[in-house]
Amino acid sequence: APARAGRRKVVLATTIAQTSLTIEGIRIVVDSGLARVPVYEAATALT
């Protein structure tokens, strides 16, 4: 949601906010350059 009148917002997000979302008032992006991704290991049959 947009920041309230007279206030600023810092949204701390995962890749969930990487696409298709418009957050009103956002004009600064700080990108860590990292993401947490699922990796499937066949030896254990676990992700």
All heavy atoms as atom14 arrays in JSON, in Angstrom:
{
  "sequence": "APARAGRRKVVLATTIAQTSLTIEGIRIVVDSGLARVPVYEAATALT",
  "atom14_mask": [
    [1, 1, 1, 1, 1, 0, 0, 0, 0, 0, 0, 0, 0, 0],
    [1, 1, 1, 1, 1, 1, 1, 0, 0, 0, 0, 0, 0, 0],
    [1, 1, 1, 1, 1, 0, 0, 0, 0, 0, 0, 0, 0, 0],
    [1, 1, 1, 1, 1, 1, 1, 1, 1, 1, 1, 0, 0, 0],
    [1, 1, 1, 1, 1, 0, 0, 0, 0, 0, 0, 0, 0, 0],
    [1, 1, 1, 1, 0, 0, 0, 0, 0, 0, 0, 0, 0, 0],
    [1, 1, 1, 1, 1, 1, 1, 1, 1, 1, 1, 0, 0, 0],
    [1, 1, 1, 1, 1, 1, 1, 1, 1, 1, 1, 0, 0, 0],
    [1, 1, 1, 1, 1, 1, 1, 1, 1, 0, 0, 0, 0, 0],
    [1, 1, 1, 1, 1, 1, 1, 0, 0, 0, 0, 0, 0, 0],
    [1, 1, 1, 1, 1, 1, 1, 0, 0, 0, 0, 0, 0, 0],
    [1, 1, 1, 1, 1, 1, 1, 1, 0, 0, 0, 0, 0, 0],
    [1, 1, 1, 1, 1, 0, 0, 0, 0, 0, 0, 0, 0, 0],
    [1, 1, 1, 1, 1, 1, 1, 0, 0, 0, 0, 0, 0, 0],
    [1, 1, 1, 1, 1, 1, 1, 0, 0, 0, 0, 0, 0, 0],
    [1, 1, 1, 1, 1, 1, 1, 1, 0, 0, 0, 0, 0, 0],
    [1, 1, 1, 1, 1, 0, 0, 0, 0, 0, 0, 0, 0, 0],
    [1, 1, 1, 1, 1, 1, 1, 1, 1, 0, 0, 0, 0, 0],
    [1, 1, 1, 1, 1, 1, 1, 0, 0, 0, 0, 0, 0, 0],
    [1, 1, 1, 1, 1, 1, 0, 0, 0, 0, 0, 0, 0, 0],
    [1, 1, 1, 1, 1, 1, 1, 1, 0, 0, 0, 0, 0, 0],
    [1, 1, 1, 1, 1, 1, 1, 0, 0, 0, 0, 0, 0, 0],
    [1, 1, 1, 1, 1, 1, 1, 1, 0, 0, 0, 0, 0, 0],
    [1, 1, 1, 1, 1, 1, 1, 1, 1, 0, 0, 0, 0, 0],
    [1, 1, 1, 1, 0, 0, 0, 0, 0, 0, 0, 0, 0, 0],
    [1, 1, 1, 1, 1, 1, 1, 1, 0, 0, 0, 0, 0, 0],
    [1, 1, 1, 1, 1, 1, 1, 1, 1, 1, 1, 0, 0, 0],
    [1, 1, 1, 1, 1, 1, 1, 1, 0, 0, 0, 0, 0, 0],
    [1, 1, 1, 1, 1, 1, 1, 0, 0, 0, 0, 0, 0, 0],
    [1, 1, 1, 1, 1, 1, 1, 0, 0, 0, 0, 0, 0, 0],
    [1, 1, 1, 1, 1, 1, 1, 1, 0, 0, 0, 0, 0, 0],
    [1, 1, 1, 1, 1, 1, 0, 0, 0, 0, 0, 0, 0, 0],
    [1, 1, 1, 1, 0, 0, 0, 0, 0, 0, 0, 0, 0, 0],
    [1, 1, 1, 1, 1, 1, 1, 1, 0, 0, 0, 0, 0, 0],
    [1, 1, 1, 1, 1, 0, 0, 0, 0, 0, 0, 0, 0, 0],
    [1, 1, 1, 1, 1, 1, 1, 1, 1, 1, 1, 0, 0, 0],
    [1, 1, 1, 1, 1, 1, 1, 0, 0, 0, 0, 0, 0, 0],
    [1, 1, 1, 1, 1, 1, 1, 0, 0, 0, 0, 0, 0, 0],
    [1, 1, 1, 1, 1, 1, 1, 0, 0, 0, 0, 0, 0, 0],
    [1, 1, 1, 1, 1, 1, 1, 1, 1, 1, 1, 1, 0, 0],
    [1, 1, 1, 1, 1, 1, 1, 1, 1, 0, 0, 0, 0, 0],
    [1, 1, 1, 1, 1, 0, 0, 0, 0, 0, 0, 0, 0, 0],
    [1, 1, 1, 1, 1, 0, 0, 0, 0, 0, 0, 0, 0, 0],
    [1, 1, 1, 1, 1, 1, 1, 0, 0, 0, 0, 0, 0, 0],
    [1, 1, 1, 1, 1, 0, 0, 0, 0, 0, 0, 0, 0, 0],
    [1, 1, 1, 1, 1, 1, 1, 1, 0, 0, 0, 0, 0, 0],
    [1, 1, 1, 1, 1, 1, 1, 0, 0, 0, 0, 0, 0, 0]
  ],
  "atom14_positions": [
    [[0.85, -1.2, 0.0], [0.0, 0.0, 0.0], [0.88, 1.25, 0.0], [2.02, 1.23, 0.48], [-0.91, 0.0, 1.23], [0.0, 0.0, 0.0], [0.0, 0.0, 0.0], [0.0, 0.0, 0.0], [0.0, 0.0, 0.0], [0.0, 0.0, 0.0], [0.0, 0.0, 0.0], [0.0, 0.0, 0.0], [0.0, 0.0, 0.0], [0.0, 0.0, 0.0]],
    [[0.39, 2.38, -0.54], [1.19, 3.62, -0.54], [1.52, 4.06, 0.88], [0.77, 3.78, 1.83], [0.25, 4.63, -1.22], [-0.74, 3.81, -1.98], [-0.91, 2.55, -1.2], [0.0, 0.0, 0.0], [0.0, 0.0, 0.0], [0.0, 0.0, 0.0], [0.0, 0.0, 0.0], [0.0, 0.0, 0.0], [0.0, 0.0, 0.0], [0.0, 0.0, 0.0]],
    [[2.63, 4.74, 1.03], [3.0, 5.29, 2.33], [1.96, 6.32, 2.75], [1.36, 7.01, 1.91], [4.38, 5.94, 2.27], [0.0, 0.0, 0.0], [0.0, 0.0, 0.0], [0.0, 0.0, 0.0], [0.0, 0.0, 0.0], [0.0, 0.0, 0.0], [0.0, 0.0, 0.0], [0.0, 0.0, 0.0], [0.0, 0.0, 0.0], [0.0, 0.0, 0.0]],
    [[1.74, 6.42, 4.03], [0.79, 7.41, 4.53], [1.3, 8.83, 4.27], [2.5, 9.04, 4.13], [0.57, 7.19, 6.03], [-0.18, 5.9, 6.35], [-0.25, 5.66, 7.85], [1.07, 5.31, 8.39], [1.33, 5.26, 9.69], [0.4, 5.58, 10.58], [2.55, 4.92, 10.1], [0.0, 0.0, 0.0], [0.0, 0.0, 0.0], [0.0, 0.0, 0.0]],
    [[0.39, 9.76, 4.22], [0.74, 11.15, 3.91], [1.82, 11.65, 4.87], [1.72, 11.47, 6.08], [-0.51, 12.03, 4.01], [0.0, 0.0, 0.0], [0.0, 0.0, 0.0], [0.0, 0.0, 0.0], [0.0, 0.0, 0.0], [0.0, 0.0, 0.0], [0.0, 0.0, 0.0], [0.0, 0.0, 0.0], [0.0, 0.0, 0.0], [0.0, 0.0, 0.0]],
    [[2.85, 12.26, 4.3], [3.92, 12.82, 5.1], [4.91, 11.81, 5.62], [5.79, 12.15, 6.43], [0.0, 0.0, 0.0], [0.0, 0.0, 0.0], [0.0, 0.0, 0.0], [0.0, 0.0, 0.0], [0.0, 0.0, 0.0], [0.0, 0.0, 0.0], [0.0, 0.0, 0.0], [0.0, 0.0, 0.0], [0.0, 0.0, 0.0], [0.0, 0.0, 0.0]],
    [[4.81, 10.56, 5.17], [5.7, 9.52, 5.66], [6.39, 8.82, 4.48], [5.94, 8.91, 3.33], [4.93, 8.48, 6.49], [4.22, 9.09, 7.7], [3.6, 8.0, 8.57], [4.62, 7.14, 9.19], [5.29, 7.46, 10.29], [5.07, 8.62, 10.89], [6.19, 6.63, 10.8], [0.0, 0.0, 0.0], [0.0, 0.0, 0.0], [0.0, 0.0, 0.0]],
    [[7.49, 8.13, 4.8], [8.2, 7.31, 3.83], [8.09, 5.86, 4.25], [7.84, 5.55, 5.41], [9.68, 7.71, 3.75], [9.93, 9.16, 3.53], [11.4, 9.5, 3.63], [12.14, 9.18, 2.42], [13.44, 9.43, 2.27], [14.15, 9.96, 3.26], [14.06, 9.13, 1.14], [0.0, 0.0, 0.0], [0.0, 0.0, 0.0], [0.0, 0.0, 0.0]],
    [[8.3, 4.98, 3.28], [8.22, 3.55, 3.56], [9.47, 2.87, 3.02], [9.96, 3.21, 1.93], [6.97, 2.96, 2.92], [6.84, 1.45, 3.07], [5.6, 0.92, 2.38], [4.35, 1.2, 3.2], [3.17, 0.5, 2.64], [0.0, 0.0, 0.0], [0.0, 0.0, 0.0], [0.0, 0.0, 0.0], [0.0, 0.0, 0.0], [0.0, 0.0, 0.0]],
    [[9.98, 1.91, 3.79], [11.06, 1.05, 3.32], [10.51, -0.37, 3.3], [10.25, -0.96, 4.35], [12.31, 1.13, 4.24], [13.39, 0.16, 3.76], [12.85, 2.56, 4.27], [0.0, 0.0, 0.0], [0.0, 0.0, 0.0], [0.0, 0.0, 0.0], [0.0, 0.0, 0.0], [0.0, 0.0, 0.0], [0.0, 0.0, 0.0], [0.0, 0.0, 0.0]],
    [[10.29, -0.9, 2.1], [9.76, -2.25, 1.93], [10.93, -3.21, 1.79], [11.77, -3.05, 0.89], [8.85, -2.34, 0.7], [8.31, -3.74, 0.54], [7.7, -1.33, 0.8], [0.0, 0.0, 0.0], [0.0, 0.0, 0.0], [0.0, 0.0, 0.0], [0.0, 0.0, 0.0], [0.0, 0.0, 0.0], [0.0, 0.0, 0.0], [0.0, 0.0, 0.0]],
    [[11.0, -4.19, 2.67], [12.07, -5.19, 2.66], [11.49, -6.47, 2.08], [10.64, -7.11, 2.7], [12.6, -5.43, 4.07], [13.06, -4.18, 4.84], [13.45, -4.55, 6.28], [14.23, -3.51, 4.13], [0.0, 0.0, 0.0], [0.0, 0.0, 0.0], [0.0, 0.0, 0.0], [0.0, 0.0, 0.0], [0.0, 0.0, 0.0], [0.0, 0.0, 0.0]],
    [[11.93, -6.85, 0.88], [11.25, -7.91, 0.16], [12.21, -8.97, -0.38], [13.39, -8.73, -0.59], [10.47, -7.31, -1.01], [0.0, 0.0, 0.0], [0.0, 0.0, 0.0], [0.0, 0.0, 0.0], [0.0, 0.0, 0.0], [0.0, 0.0, 0.0], [0.0, 0.0, 0.0], [0.0, 0.0, 0.0], [0.0, 0.0, 0.0], [0.0, 0.0, 0.0]],
    [[11.65, -10.15, -0.6], [12.32, -11.22, -1.33], [12.0, -11.03, -2.81], [11.49, -9.99, -3.23], [11.83, -12.58, -0.86], [10.41, -12.67, -1.11], [12.07, -12.78, 0.63], [0.0, 0.0, 0.0], [0.0, 0.0, 0.0], [0.0, 0.0, 0.0], [0.0, 0.0, 0.0], [0.0, 0.0, 0.0], [0.0, 0.0, 0.0], [0.0, 0.0, 0.0]],
    [[12.24, -12.05, -3.62], [11.91, -11.98, -5.05], [10.41, -11.84, -5.28], [9.98, -11.63, -6.41], [12.39, -13.24, -5.78], [11.89, -14.41, -5.11], [13.9, -13.31, -5.8], [0.0, 0.0, 0.0], [0.0, 0.0, 0.0], [0.0, 0.0, 0.0], [0.0, 0.0, 0.0], [0.0, 0.0, 0.0], [0.0, 0.0, 0.0], [0.0, 0.0, 0.0]],
    [[9.61, -11.95, -4.23], [8.16, -11.81, -4.35], [7.78, -10.47, -4.97], [6.75, -10.33, -5.62], [7.49, -11.98, -2.96], [5.99, -12.2, -3.08], [7.78, -10.78, -2.06], [5.33, -12.54, -1.75], [0.0, 0.0, 0.0], [0.0, 0.0, 0.0], [0.0, 0.0, 0.0], [0.0, 0.0, 0.0], [0.0, 0.0, 0.0], [0.0, 0.0, 0.0]],
    [[8.64, -9.44, -4.79], [8.35, -8.09, -5.3], [9.12, -7.79, -6.58], [9.15, -6.65, -7.03], [8.68, -7.05, -4.24], [0.0, 0.0, 0.0], [0.0, 0.0, 0.0], [0.0, 0.0, 0.0], [0.0, 0.0, 0.0], [0.0, 0.0, 0.0], [0.0, 0.0, 0.0], [0.0, 0.0, 0.0], [0.0, 0.0, 0.0], [0.0, 0.0, 0.0]],
    [[9.72, -8.81, -7.19], [10.59, -8.58, -8.33], [9.81, -8.25, -9.59], [10.29, -7.53, -10.46], [11.45, -9.82, -8.56], [12.62, -9.63, -9.51], [13.59, -10.79, -9.41], [14.25, -10.99, -8.4], [13.66, -11.59, -10.45], [0.0, 0.0, 0.0], [0.0, 0.0, 0.0], [0.0, 0.0, 0.0], [0.0, 0.0, 0.0], [0.0, 0.0, 0.0]],
    [[8.6, -8.79, -9.72], [7.84, -8.61, -10.94], [6.39, -8.3, -10.63], [5.85, -8.67, -9.6], [7.88, -9.89, -11.81], [7.39, -10.99, -11.04], [9.29, -10.19, -12.27], [0.0, 0.0, 0.0], [0.0, 0.0, 0.0], [0.0, 0.0, 0.0], [0.0, 0.0, 0.0], [0.0, 0.0, 0.0], [0.0, 0.0, 0.0], [0.0, 0.0, 0.0]],
    [[5.75, -7.61, -11.56], [4.3, -7.4, -11.6], [3.72, -6.56, -10.49], [2.51, -6.39, -10.43], [3.56, -8.76, -11.63], [3.97, -9.52, -12.73], [0.0, 0.0, 0.0], [0.0, 0.0, 0.0], [0.0, 0.0, 0.0], [0.0, 0.0, 0.0], [0.0, 0.0, 0.0], [0.0, 0.0, 0.0], [0.0, 0.0, 0.0], [0.0, 0.0, 0.0]],
    [[4.52, -6.07, -9.58], [3.99, -5.27, -8.48], [4.39, -3.81, -8.64], [5.54, -3.5, -8.91], [4.52, -5.77, -7.13], [3.93, -7.07, -6.59], [4.62, -7.42, -5.28], [2.44, -6.96, -6.38], [0.0, 0.0, 0.0], [0.0, 0.0, 0.0], [0.0, 0.0, 0.0], [0.0, 0.0, 0.0], [0.0, 0.0, 0.0], [0.0, 0.0, 0.0]],
    [[3.42, -2.93, -8.47], [3.7, -1.51, -8.41], [3.38, -1.03, -7.0], [2.23, -1.12, -6.56], [2.87, -0.73, -9.43], [3.24, -1.12, -10.75], [3.1, 0.78, -9.28], [0.0, 0.0, 0.0], [0.0, 0.0, 0.0], [0.0, 0.0, 0.0], [0.0, 0.0, 0.0], [0.0, 0.0, 0.0], [0.0, 0.0, 0.0], [0.0, 0.0, 0.0]],
    [[4.38, -0.54, -6.29], [4.19, 0.0, -4.96], [4.3, 1.51, -5.07], [5.38, 2.04, -5.38], [5.24, -0.56, -3.97], [5.21, -2.11, -3.99], [4.98, -0.05, -2.56], [6.28, -2.75, -3.13], [0.0, 0.0, 0.0], [0.0, 0.0, 0.0], [0.0, 0.0, 0.0], [0.0, 0.0, 0.0], [0.0, 0.0, 0.0], [0.0, 0.0, 0.0]],
    [[3.2, 2.19, -4.89], [3.18, 3.63, -5.07], [4.22, 4.32, -4.18], [4.38, 3.97, -3.01], [1.79, 4.18, -4.74], [0.69, 3.7, -5.68], [0.88, 4.19, -7.09], [1.46, 5.27, -7.28], [0.46, 3.48, -8.03], [0.0, 0.0, 0.0], [0.0, 0.0, 0.0], [0.0, 0.0, 0.0], [0.0, 0.0, 0.0], [0.0, 0.0, 0.0]],
    [[4.92, 5.3, -4.76], [5.88, 6.08, -4.0], [7.28, 5.53, -4.0], [8.23, 6.19, -3.54], [0.0, 0.0, 0.0], [0.0, 0.0, 0.0], [0.0, 0.0, 0.0], [0.0, 0.0, 0.0], [0.0, 0.0, 0.0], [0.0, 0.0, 0.0], [0.0, 0.0, 0.0], [0.0, 0.0, 0.0], [0.0, 0.0, 0.0], [0.0, 0.0, 0.0]],
    [[7.47, 4.3, -4.52], [8.81, 3.71, -4.55], [9.62, 4.34, -5.68], [9.23, 4.28, -6.86], [8.74, 2.18, -4.77], [8.08, 1.49, -3.59], [10.15, 1.61, -5.04], [8.9, 1.51, -2.32], [0.0, 0.0, 0.0], [0.0, 0.0, 0.0], [0.0, 0.0, 0.0], [0.0, 0.0, 0.0], [0.0, 0.0, 0.0], [0.0, 0.0, 0.0]],
    [[10.72, 4.97, -5.35], [11.64, 5.49, -6.36], [13.09, 5.15, -6.03], [14.02, 5.58, -6.7], [11.48, 7.0, -6.55], [11.76, 7.85, -5.34], [11.78, 9.33, -5.71], [12.73, 9.61, -6.78], [14.03, 9.83, -6.58], [14.55, 9.78, -5.34], [14.82, 10.09, -7.6], [0.0, 0.0, 0.0], [0.0, 0.0, 0.0], [0.0, 0.0, 0.0]],
    [[13.27, 4.37, -4.97], [14.61, 3.91, -4.58], [14.58, 2.38, -4.51], [13.68, 1.81, -3.89], [15.03, 4.46, -3.2], [14.99, 5.99, -3.18], [16.41, 3.94, -2.81], [15.1, 6.56, -1.77], [0.0, 0.0, 0.0], [0.0, 0.0, 0.0], [0.0, 0.0, 0.0], [0.0, 0.0, 0.0], [0.0, 0.0, 0.0], [0.0, 0.0, 0.0]],
    [[15.53, 1.75, -5.16], [15.7, 0.29, -5.03], [17.1, 0.03, -4.51], [18.08, 0.62, -4.99], [15.5, -0.43, -6.37], [16.07, -1.85, -6.33], [14.02, -0.49, -6.73], [0.0, 0.0, 0.0], [0.0, 0.0, 0.0], [0.0, 0.0, 0.0], [0.0, 0.0, 0.0], [0.0, 0.0, 0.0], [0.0, 0.0, 0.0], [0.0, 0.0, 0.0]],
    [[17.2, -0.82, -3.51], [18.49, -1.3, -3.01], [18.52, -2.81, -3.26], [17.7, -3.55, -2.7], [18.69, -0.99, -1.51], [19.99, -1.59, -1.01], [18.67, 0.52, -1.28], [0.0, 0.0, 0.0], [0.0, 0.0, 0.0], [0.0, 0.0, 0.0], [0.0, 0.0, 0.0], [0.0, 0.0, 0.0], [0.0, 0.0, 0.0], [0.0, 0.0, 0.0]],
    [[19.42, -3.25, -4.11], [19.45, -4.64, -4.55], [20.68, -5.35, -3.99], [21.82, -5.01, -4.34], [19.46, -4.69, -6.08], [19.38, -6.1, -6.62], [19.27, -7.05, -5.83], [19.43, -6.26, -7.86], [0.0, 0.0, 0.0], [0.0, 0.0, 0.0], [0.0, 0.0, 0.0], [0.0, 0.0, 0.0], [0.0, 0.0, 0.0], [0.0, 0.0, 0.0]],
    [[20.45, -6.34, -3.14], [21.56, -7.12, -2.58], [22.22, -8.0, -3.62], [23.34, -8.49, -3.41], [21.05, -7.99, -1.43], [20.2, -9.02, -1.92], [0.0, 0.0, 0.0], [0.0, 0.0, 0.0], [0.0, 0.0, 0.0], [0.0, 0.0, 0.0], [0.0, 0.0, 0.0], [0.0, 0.0, 0.0], [0.0, 0.0, 0.0], [0.0, 0.0, 0.0]],
    [[21.51, -8.27, -4.73], [22.06, -9.14, -5.76], [21.98, -10.61, -5.43], [22.59, -11.45, -6.09], [0.0, 0.0, 0.0], [0.0, 0.0, 0.0], [0.0, 0.0, 0.0], [0.0, 0.0, 0.0], [0.0, 0.0, 0.0], [0.0, 0.0, 0.0], [0.0, 0.0, 0.0], [0.0, 0.0, 0.0], [0.0, 0.0, 0.0], [0.0, 0.0, 0.0]],
    [[21.18, -10.93, -4.41], [21.06, -12.32, -3.95], [19.61, -12.77, -3.95], [18.69, -11.97, -3.82], [21.63, -12.45, -2.53], [23.1, -12.07, -2.34], [23.45, -12.06, -0.86], [24.02, -13.03, -3.11], [0.0, 0.0, 0.0], [0.0, 0.0, 0.0], [0.0, 0.0, 0.0], [0.0, 0.0, 0.0], [0.0, 0.0, 0.0], [0.0, 0.0, 0.0]],
    [[19.42, -14.07, -4.07], [18.09, -14.67, -3.99], [18.21, -16.05, -3.39], [19.25, -16.71, -3.53], [17.44, -14.75, -5.36], [0.0, 0.0, 0.0], [0.0, 0.0, 0.0], [0.0, 0.0, 0.0], [0.0, 0.0, 0.0], [0.0, 0.0, 0.0], [0.0, 0.0, 0.0], [0.0, 0.0, 0.0], [0.0, 0.0, 0.0], [0.0, 0.0, 0.0]],
    [[17.17, -16.49, -2.72], [17.15, -17.84, -2.17], [16.3, -18.7, -3.1], [15.12, -18.42, -3.31], [16.58, -17.84, -0.75], [16.83, -19.14, 0.01], [16.93, -18.88, 1.5], [18.13, -18.13, 1.83], [18.2, -17.2, 2.78], [17.14, -16.9, 3.5], [19.33, -16.56, 3.01], [0.0, 0.0, 0.0], [0.0, 0.0, 0.0], [0.0, 0.0, 0.0]],
    [[16.94, -19.73, -3.66], [16.27, -20.54, -4.67], [16.21, -22.0, -4.22], [17.09, -22.48, -3.51], [17.01, -20.45, -6.03], [16.98, -19.02, -6.54], [18.45, -20.93, -5.91], [0.0, 0.0, 0.0], [0.0, 0.0, 0.0], [0.0, 0.0, 0.0], [0.0, 0.0, 0.0], [0.0, 0.0, 0.0], [0.0, 0.0, 0.0], [0.0, 0.0, 0.0]],
    [[15.15, -22.72, -4.62], [15.06, -24.13, -4.29], [16.01, -24.96, -5.13], [16.13, -24.74, -6.34], [13.59, -24.47, -4.6], [13.18, -23.46, -5.62], [13.96, -22.22, -5.33], [0.0, 0.0, 0.0], [0.0, 0.0, 0.0], [0.0, 0.0, 0.0], [0.0, 0.0, 0.0], [0.0, 0.0, 0.0], [0.0, 0.0, 0.0], [0.0, 0.0, 0.0]],
    [[16.71, -25.88, -4.5], [17.64, -26.76, -5.19], [17.28, -28.2, -4.85], [17.26, -28.58, -3.67], [19.1, -26.47, -4.78], [20.05, -27.45, -5.46], [19.47, -25.03, -5.12], [0.0, 0.0, 0.0], [0.0, 0.0, 0.0], [0.0, 0.0, 0.0], [0.0, 0.0, 0.0], [0.0, 0.0, 0.0], [0.0, 0.0, 0.0], [0.0, 0.0, 0.0]],
    [[16.97, -28.97, -5.86], [16.59, -30.37, -5.65], [17.83, -31.25, -5.65], [18.67, -31.17, -6.54], [15.64, -30.82, -6.75], [15.23, -32.27, -6.64], [14.46, -32.71, -5.55], [15.6, -33.2, -7.6], [14.08, -34.04, -5.44], [15.22, -34.54, -7.49], [14.46, -34.95, -6.4], [14.08, -36.26, -6.29], [0.0, 0.0, 0.0], [0.0, 0.0, 0.0]],
    [[17.94, -32.09, -4.62], [19.07, -33.02, -4.51], [18.55, -34.44, -4.74], [17.82, -34.99, -3.9], [19.72, -32.9, -3.14], [20.41, -31.55, -2.92], [21.15, -31.49, -1.6], [20.77, -32.24, -0.67], [22.11, -30.72, -1.49], [0.0, 0.0, 0.0], [0.0, 0.0, 0.0], [0.0, 0.0, 0.0], [0.0, 0.0, 0.0], [0.0, 0.0, 0.0]],
    [[18.92, -35.0, -5.86], [18.43, -36.32, -6.22], [18.85, -37.39, -5.22], [18.11, -38.34, -4.96], [18.91, -36.69, -7.62], [0.0, 0.0, 0.0], [0.0, 0.0, 0.0], [0.0, 0.0, 0.0], [0.0, 0.0, 0.0], [0.0, 0.0, 0.0], [0.0, 0.0, 0.0], [0.0, 0.0, 0.0], [0.0, 0.0, 0.0], [0.0, 0.0, 0.0]],
    [[20.03, -37.23, -4.63], [20.54, -38.25, -3.71], [19.65, -38.41, -2.48], [19.53, -39.51, -1.94], [21.96, -37.91, -3.29], [0.0, 0.0, 0.0], [0.0, 0.0, 0.0], [0.0, 0.0, 0.0], [0.0, 0.0, 0.0], [0.0, 0.0, 0.0], [0.0, 0.0, 0.0], [0.0, 0.0, 0.0], [0.0, 0.0, 0.0], [0.0, 0.0, 0.0]],
    [[19.05, -37.31, -2.04], [18.19, -37.36, -0.84], [16.71, -37.23, -1.17], [15.87, -37.38, -0.29], [18.57, -36.23, 0.13], [18.37, -34.96, -0.53], [20.03, -36.34, 0.55], [0.0, 0.0, 0.0], [0.0, 0.0, 0.0], [0.0, 0.0, 0.0], [0.0, 0.0, 0.0], [0.0, 0.0, 0.0], [0.0, 0.0, 0.0], [0.0, 0.0, 0.0]],
    [[16.4, -36.94, -2.45], [15.01, -36.71, -2.88], [14.37, -35.55, -2.12], [13.17, -35.52, -1.92], [14.18, -37.98, -2.74], [0.0, 0.0, 0.0], [0.0, 0.0, 0.0], [0.0, 0.0, 0.0], [0.0, 0.0, 0.0], [0.0, 0.0, 0.0], [0.0, 0.0, 0.0], [0.0, 0.0, 0.0], [0.0, 0.0, 0.0], [0.0, 0.0, 0.0]],
    [[15.21, -34.59, -1.71], [14.71, -33.44, -0.97], [15.09, -32.15, -1.7], [16.08, -32.09, -2.42], [15.3, -33.4, 0.45], [14.91, -34.55, 1.39], [15.7, -34.44, 2.69], [13.41, -34.54, 1.67], [0.0, 0.0, 0.0], [0.0, 0.0, 0.0], [0.0, 0.0, 0.0], [0.0, 0.0, 0.0], [0.0, 0.0, 0.0], [0.0, 0.0, 0.0]],
    [[14.26, -31.13, -1.5], [14.54, -29.82, -2.05], [14.94, -28.89, -0.91], [14.23, -28.78, 0.09], [13.3, -29.25, -2.77], [12.94, -30.11, -3.86], [13.58, -27.86, -3.32], [0.0, 0.0, 0.0], [0.0, 0.0, 0.0], [0.0, 0.0, 0.0], [0.0, 0.0, 0.0], [0.0, 0.0, 0.0], [0.0, 0.0, 0.0], [0.0, 0.0, 0.0]]
  ]
}
